[in-house]
Amino acid sequence: MSTRAELDTLLEQLDQSAPFPEGGNGPRGRQGSPAKVSLPDGWLNDPDDCTVPSAADVMHSGG
């Protein structure tokens, strides 16, 4: 789909009487204790450094 009109056409085909799934309003995200945050070595040494870290564009880098 590439236009809003196409999206509207697809949405019109949905069954408006379909019930909302049970559990659809359940919790999202982490449910346990928060994960420990860890920054790369030297990350906070120079807050004004705008250098992009090497391999920052790797698909599995997490960022």
PDB file of N, CA and C in Angstrom:
ATOM      1  N   MET A   1       0.846  -1.155   0.000  1.00  0.00           N
ATOM      2  CA  MET A   1       0.000   0.000   0.000  1.00  0.00           C
ATOM      3  C   MET A   1       0.895   1.222   0.000  1.00  0.00           C
ATOM      4  N   SER A   2       0.533   2.187  -0.803  1.00  0.00           N
ATOM      5  CA  SER A   2       1.385   3.367  -0.912  1.00  0.00           C
ATOM      6  C   SER A   2       0.623   4.674  -0.732  1.00  0.00           C
ATOM      7  N   THR A   3      -0.695   4.607  -0.613  1.00  0.00           N
ATOM      8  CA  THR A   3      -1.461   5.839  -0.421  1.00  0.00           C
ATOM      9  C   THR A   3      -2.458   5.655   0.711  1.00  0.00           C
ATOM     10  N   ARG A   4      -2.922   6.758   1.212  1.00  0.00           N
ATOM     11  CA  ARG A   4      -3.924   6.699   2.276  1.00  0.00           C
ATOM     12  C   ARG A   4      -5.235   6.130   1.738  1.00  0.00           C
ATOM     13  N   ALA A   5      -5.534   6.408   0.483  1.00  0.00           N
ATOM     14  CA  ALA A   5      -6.758   5.881  -0.128  1.00  0.00           C
ATOM     15  C   ALA A   5      -6.731   4.352  -0.135  1.00  0.00           C
ATOM     16  N   GLU A   6      -5.568   3.778  -0.430  1.00  0.00           N
ATOM     17  CA  GLU A   6      -5.448   2.315  -0.404  1.00  0.00           C
ATOM     18  C   GLU A   6      -5.668   1.787   1.009  1.00  0.00           C
ATOM     19  N   LEU A   7      -5.124   2.492   1.998  1.00  0.00           N
ATOM     20  CA  LEU A   7      -5.322   2.092   3.389  1.00  0.00           C
ATOM     21  C   LEU A   7      -6.799   2.153   3.744  1.00  0.00           C
ATOM     22  N   ASP A   8      -7.467   3.238   3.366  1.00  0.00           N
ATOM     23  CA  ASP A   8      -8.899   3.377   3.639  1.00  0.00           C
ATOM     24  C   ASP A   8      -9.692   2.238   3.012  1.00  0.00           C
ATOM     25  N   THR A   9      -9.354   1.868   1.781  1.00  0.00           N
ATOM     26  CA  THR A   9     -10.040   0.776   1.090  1.00  0.00           C
ATOM     27  C   THR A   9      -9.869  -0.531   1.856  1.00  0.00           C
ATOM     28  N   LEU A  10      -8.659  -0.794   2.319  1.00  0.00           N
ATOM     29  CA  LEU A  10      -8.407  -2.020   3.081  1.00  0.00           C
ATOM     30  C   LEU A  10      -9.138  -2.008   4.417  1.00  0.00           C
ATOM     31  N   LEU A  11      -9.144  -0.859   5.092  1.00  0.00           N
ATOM     32  CA  LEU A  11      -9.818  -0.772   6.384  1.00  0.00           C
ATOM     33  C   LEU A  11     -11.324  -0.948   6.255  1.00  0.00           C
ATOM     34  N   GLU A  12     -11.894  -0.502   5.141  1.00  0.00           N
ATOM     35  CA  GLU A  12     -13.331  -0.657   4.908  1.00  0.00           C
ATOM     36  C   GLU A  12     -13.733  -2.125   4.812  1.00  0.00           C
ATOM     37  N   GLN A  13     -12.777  -2.989   4.472  1.00  0.00           N
ATOM     38  CA  GLN A  13     -13.072  -4.413   4.316  1.00  0.00           C
ATOM     39  C   GLN A  13     -13.098  -5.160   5.650  1.00  0.00           C
ATOM     40  N   LEU A  14     -12.653  -4.516   6.724  1.00  0.00           N
ATOM     41  CA  LEU A  14     -12.631  -5.180   8.027  1.00  0.00           C
ATOM     42  C   LEU A  14     -14.041  -5.339   8.579  1.00  0.00           C
ATOM     43  N   ASP A  15     -14.257  -6.432   9.288  1.00  0.00           N
ATOM     44  CA  ASP A  15     -15.551  -6.704   9.916  1.00  0.00           C
ATOM     45  C   ASP A  15     -15.684  -5.835  11.162  1.00  0.00           C
ATOM     46  N   GLN A  16     -16.551  -4.821  11.094  1.00  0.00           N
ATOM     47  CA  GLN A  16     -16.727  -3.890  12.205  1.00  0.00           C
ATOM     48  C   GLN A  16     -17.396  -4.533  13.414  1.00  0.00           C
ATOM     49  N   SER A  17     -18.036  -5.698  13.222  1.00  0.00           N
ATOM     50  CA  SER A  17     -18.706  -6.354  14.346  1.00  0.00           C
ATOM     51  C   SER A  17     -17.786  -7.344  15.061  1.00  0.00           C
ATOM     52  N   ALA A  18     -16.565  -7.499  14.581  1.00  0.00           N
ATOM     53  CA  ALA A  18     -15.619  -8.423  15.221  1.00  0.00           C
ATOM     54  C   ALA A  18     -15.290  -7.912  16.620  1.00  0.00           C
ATOM     55  N   PRO A  19     -15.341  -8.808  17.621  1.00  0.00           N
ATOM     56  CA  PRO A  19     -15.050  -8.368  18.992  1.00  0.00           C
ATOM     57  C   PRO A  19     -13.566  -8.057  19.172  1.00  0.00           C
ATOM     58  N   PHE A  20     -13.289  -7.156  20.087  1.00  0.00           N
ATOM     59  CA  PHE A  20     -11.904  -6.831  20.414  1.00  0.00           C
ATOM     60  C   PHE A  20     -11.297  -8.044  21.098  1.00  0.00           C
ATOM     61  N   PRO A  21     -10.090  -8.449  20.722  1.00  0.00           N
ATOM     62  CA  PRO A  21      -9.509  -9.664  21.300  1.00  0.00           C
ATOM     63  C   PRO A  21      -9.303  -9.555  22.812  1.00  0.00           C
ATOM     64  N   GLU A  22      -9.615 -10.662  23.510  1.00  0.00           N
ATOM     65  CA  GLU A  22      -9.401 -10.703  24.948  1.00  0.00           C
ATOM     66  C   GLU A  22      -7.916 -10.541  25.229  1.00  0.00           C
ATOM     67  N   GLY A  23      -7.572  -9.785  26.214  1.00  0.00           N
ATOM     68  CA  GLY A  23      -6.168  -9.559  26.529  1.00  0.00           C
ATOM     69  C   GLY A  23      -5.533  -8.495  25.659  1.00  0.00           C
ATOM     70  N   GLY A  24      -6.305  -7.876  24.800  1.00  0.00           N
ATOM     71  CA  GLY A  24      -5.766  -6.849  23.915  1.00  0.00           C
ATOM     72  C   GLY A  24      -5.303  -5.607  24.649  1.00  0.00           C
ATOM     73  N   ASN A  25      -5.818  -5.414  25.837  1.00  0.00           N
ATOM     74  CA  ASN A  25      -5.412  -4.261  26.639  1.00  0.00           C
ATOM     75  C   ASN A  25      -4.429  -4.657  27.726  1.00  0.00           C
ATOM     76  N   GLY A  26      -3.784  -5.792  27.555  1.00  0.00           N
ATOM     77  CA  GLY A  26      -2.838  -6.286  28.552  1.00  0.00           C
ATOM     78  C   GLY A  26      -1.583  -5.440  28.631  1.00  0.00           C
ATOM     79  N   PRO A  27      -0.751  -5.753  29.599  1.00  0.00           N
ATOM     80  CA  PRO A  27       0.493  -4.995  29.774  1.00  0.00           C
ATOM     81  C   PRO A  27       1.444  -5.166  28.602  1.00  0.00           C
ATOM     82  N   ARG A  28       2.244  -4.157  28.351  1.00  0.00           N
ATOM     83  CA  ARG A  28       3.225  -4.199  27.270  1.00  0.00           C
ATOM     84  C   ARG A  28       4.611  -3.942  27.846  1.00  0.00           C
ATOM     85  N   GLY A  29       5.601  -4.356  27.122  1.00  0.00           N
ATOM     86  CA  GLY A  29       6.971  -4.113  27.549  1.00  0.00           C
ATOM     87  C   GLY A  29       7.421  -5.095  28.608  1.00  0.00           C
ATOM     88  N   ARG A  30       8.512  -4.757  29.259  1.00  0.00           N
ATOM     89  CA  ARG A  30       9.070  -5.635  30.290  1.00  0.00           C
ATOM     90  C   ARG A  30       8.136  -5.680  31.489  1.00  0.00           C
ATOM     91  N   GLN A  31       7.888  -6.872  31.998  1.00  0.00           N
ATOM     92  CA  GLN A  31       7.015  -7.019  33.151  1.00  0.00           C
ATOM     93  C   GLN A  31       7.795  -7.313  34.429  1.00  0.00           C
ATOM     94  N   GLY A  32       9.058  -7.663  34.300  1.00  0.00           N
ATOM     95  CA  GLY A  32       9.885  -7.942  35.470  1.00  0.00           C
ATOM     96  C   GLY A  32      10.628  -6.705  35.904  1.00  0.00           C
ATOM     97  N   SER A  33      11.723  -6.922  36.575  1.00  0.00           N
ATOM     98  CA  SER A  33      12.536  -5.791  37.013  1.00  0.00           C
ATOM     99  C   SER A  33      13.193  -5.142  35.794  1.00  0.00           C
ATOM    100  N   PRO A  34      13.476  -3.857  35.883  1.00  0.00           N
ATOM    101  CA  PRO A  34      14.087  -3.175  34.746  1.00  0.00           C
ATOM    102  C   PRO A  34      15.469  -3.750  34.429  1.00  0.00           C
ATOM    103  N   ALA A  35      15.808  -3.735  33.158  1.00  0.00           N
ATOM    104  CA  ALA A  35      17.116  -4.217  32.732  1.00  0.00           C
ATOM    105  C   ALA A  35      18.188  -3.200  33.121  1.00  0.00           C
ATOM    106  N   LYS A  36      19.373  -3.677  33.406  1.00  0.00           N
ATOM    107  CA  LYS A  36      20.483  -2.796  33.758  1.00  0.00           C
ATOM    108  C   LYS A  36      20.957  -2.073  32.493  1.00  0.00           C
ATOM    109  N   VAL A  37      21.100  -0.782  32.601  1.00  0.00           N
ATOM    110  CA  VAL A  37      21.572   0.020  31.475  1.00  0.00           C
ATOM    111  C   VAL A  37      23.098  -0.014  31.465  1.00  0.00           C
ATOM    112  N   SER A  38      23.665  -0.280  30.300  1.00  0.00           N
ATOM    113  CA  SER A  38      25.129  -0.247  30.199  1.00  0.00           C
ATOM    114  C   SER A  38      25.517   0.511  28.937  1.00  0.00           C
ATOM    115  N   LEU A  39      26.430   1.442  29.097  1.00  0.00           N
ATOM    116  CA  LEU A  39      26.905   2.260  27.987  1.00  0.00           C
ATOM    117  C   LEU A  39      28.270   1.765  27.540  1.00  0.00           C
ATOM    118  N   PRO A  40      28.609   1.967  26.267  1.00  0.00           N
ATOM    119  CA  PRO A  40      29.939   1.570  25.792  1.00  0.00           C
ATOM    120  C   PRO A  40      31.035   2.316  26.555  1.00  0.00           C
ATOM    121  N   ASP A  41      32.206   1.704  26.637  1.00  0.00           N
ATOM    122  CA  ASP A  41      33.360   2.318  27.299  1.00  0.00           C
ATOM    123  C   ASP A  41      33.611   3.720  26.766  1.00  0.00           C
ATOM    124  N   GLY A  42      33.756   4.690  27.658  1.00  0.00           N
ATOM    125  CA  GLY A  42      34.082   6.053  27.271  1.00  0.00           C
ATOM    126  C   GLY A  42      32.906   6.870  26.761  1.00  0.00           C
ATOM    127  N   TRP A  43      31.704   6.323  26.797  1.00  0.00           N
ATOM    128  CA  TRP A  43      30.526   6.989  26.240  1.00  0.00           C
ATOM    129  C   TRP A  43      30.306   8.375  26.843  1.00  0.00           C
ATOM    130  N   LEU A  44      30.519   8.512  28.138  1.00  0.00           N
ATOM    131  CA  LEU A  44      30.242   9.779  28.815  1.00  0.00           C
ATOM    132  C   LEU A  44      31.475  10.667  28.978  1.00  0.00           C
ATOM    133  N   ASN A  45      32.597  10.289  28.395  1.00  0.00           N
ATOM    134  CA  ASN A  45      33.825  11.079  28.538  1.00  0.00           C
ATOM    135  C   ASN A  45      33.688  12.471  27.944  1.00  0.00           C
ATOM    136  N   ASP A  46      33.044  12.604  26.800  1.00  0.00           N
ATOM    137  CA  ASP A  46      32.900  13.898  26.134  1.00  0.00           C
ATOM    138  C   ASP A  46      31.472  14.044  25.620  1.00  0.00           C
ATOM    139  N   PRO A  47      30.597  14.699  26.398  1.00  0.00           N
ATOM    140  CA  PRO A  47      29.188  14.825  26.003  1.00  0.00           C
ATOM    141  C   PRO A  47      28.972  15.615  24.710  1.00  0.00           C
ATOM    142  N   ASP A  48      29.965  16.399  24.292  1.00  0.00           N
ATOM    143  CA  ASP A  48      29.824  17.193  23.068  1.00  0.00           C
ATOM    144  C   ASP A  48      30.362  16.483  21.835  1.00  0.00           C
ATOM    145  N   ASP A  49      30.896  15.282  21.998  1.00  0.00           N
ATOM    146  CA  ASP A  49      31.440  14.520  20.871  1.00  0.00           C
ATOM    147  C   ASP A  49      30.288  13.939  20.053  1.00  0.00           C
ATOM    148  N   CYS A  50      30.198  14.337  18.788  1.00  0.00           N
ATOM    149  CA  CYS A  50      29.111  13.874  17.909  1.00  0.00           C
ATOM    150  C   CYS A  50      29.556  12.756  16.978  1.00  0.00           C
ATOM    151  N   THR A  51      30.714  12.179  17.233  1.00  0.00           N
ATOM    152  CA  THR A  51      31.227  11.107  16.388  1.00  0.00           C
ATOM    153  C   THR A  51      30.300   9.902  16.464  1.00  0.00           C
ATOM    154  N   VAL A  52      29.931   9.379  15.319  1.00  0.00           N
ATOM    155  CA  VAL A  52      29.083   8.184  15.272  1.00  0.00           C
ATOM    156  C   VAL A  52      29.964   6.969  15.534  1.00  0.00           C
ATOM    157  N   PRO A  53      29.573   6.121  16.494  1.00  0.00           N
ATOM    158  CA  PRO A  53      30.382   4.941  16.790  1.00  0.00           C
ATOM    159  C   PRO A  53      30.510   4.036  15.573  1.00  0.00           C
ATOM    160  N   SER A  54      31.634   3.341  15.469  1.00  0.00           N
ATOM    161  CA  SER A  54      31.815   2.420  14.347  1.00  0.00           C
ATOM    162  C   SER A  54      30.770   1.322  14.425  1.00  0.00           C
ATOM    163  N   ALA A  55      30.299   0.885  13.274  1.00  0.00           N
ATOM    164  CA  ALA A  55      29.284  -0.167  13.143  1.00  0.00           C
ATOM    165  C   ALA A  55      27.926   0.248  13.711  1.00  0.00           C
ATOM    166  N   ALA A  56      27.671   1.551  13.847  1.00  0.00           N
ATOM    167  CA  ALA A  56      26.385   2.009  14.367  1.00  0.00           C
ATOM    168  C   ALA A  56      25.250   1.719  13.398  1.00  0.00           C
ATOM    169  N   ASP A  57      25.588   1.482  12.136  1.00  0.00           N
ATOM    170  CA  ASP A  57      24.551   1.230  11.142  1.00  0.00           C
ATOM    171  C   ASP A  57      24.289  -0.258  10.937  1.00  0.00           C
ATOM    172  N   VAL A  58      24.897  -1.109  11.736  1.00  0.00           N
ATOM    173  CA  VAL A  58      24.673  -2.547  11.613  1.00  0.00           C
ATOM    174  C   VAL A  58      23.240  -2.849  12.038  1.00  0.00           C
ATOM    175  N   MET A  59      22.545  -3.670  11.261  1.00  0.00           N
ATOM    176  CA  MET A  59      21.126  -3.937  11.508  1.00  0.00           C
ATOM    177  C   MET A  59      20.851  -4.530  12.891  1.00  0.00           C
ATOM    178  N   HIS A  60      21.750  -5.294  13.432  1.00  0.00           N
ATOM    179  CA  HIS A  60      21.493  -5.933  14.719  1.00  0.00           C
ATOM    180  C   HIS A  60      22.183  -5.212  15.875  1.00  0.00           C
ATOM    181  N   SER A  61      22.533  -3.954  15.672  1.00  0.00           N
ATOM    182  CA  SER A  61      23.279  -3.222  16.696  1.00  0.00           C
ATOM    183  C   SER A  61      22.400  -2.810  17.870  1.00  0.00           C
ATOM    184  N   GLY A  62      21.080  -2.826  17.692  1.00  0.00           N
ATOM    185  CA  GLY A  62      20.195  -2.404  18.766  1.00  0.00           C
ATOM    186  C   GLY A  62      19.947  -0.909  18.765  1.00  0.00           C
ATOM    187  N   GLY A  63      20.502  -0.204  17.844  1.00  0.00           N
ATOM    188  CA  GLY A  63      20.306   1.227  17.821  1.00  0.00           C
ATOM    189  C   GLY A  63      20.577   1.752  16.479  1.00  0.00           C
TER     190      GLY A  63
END
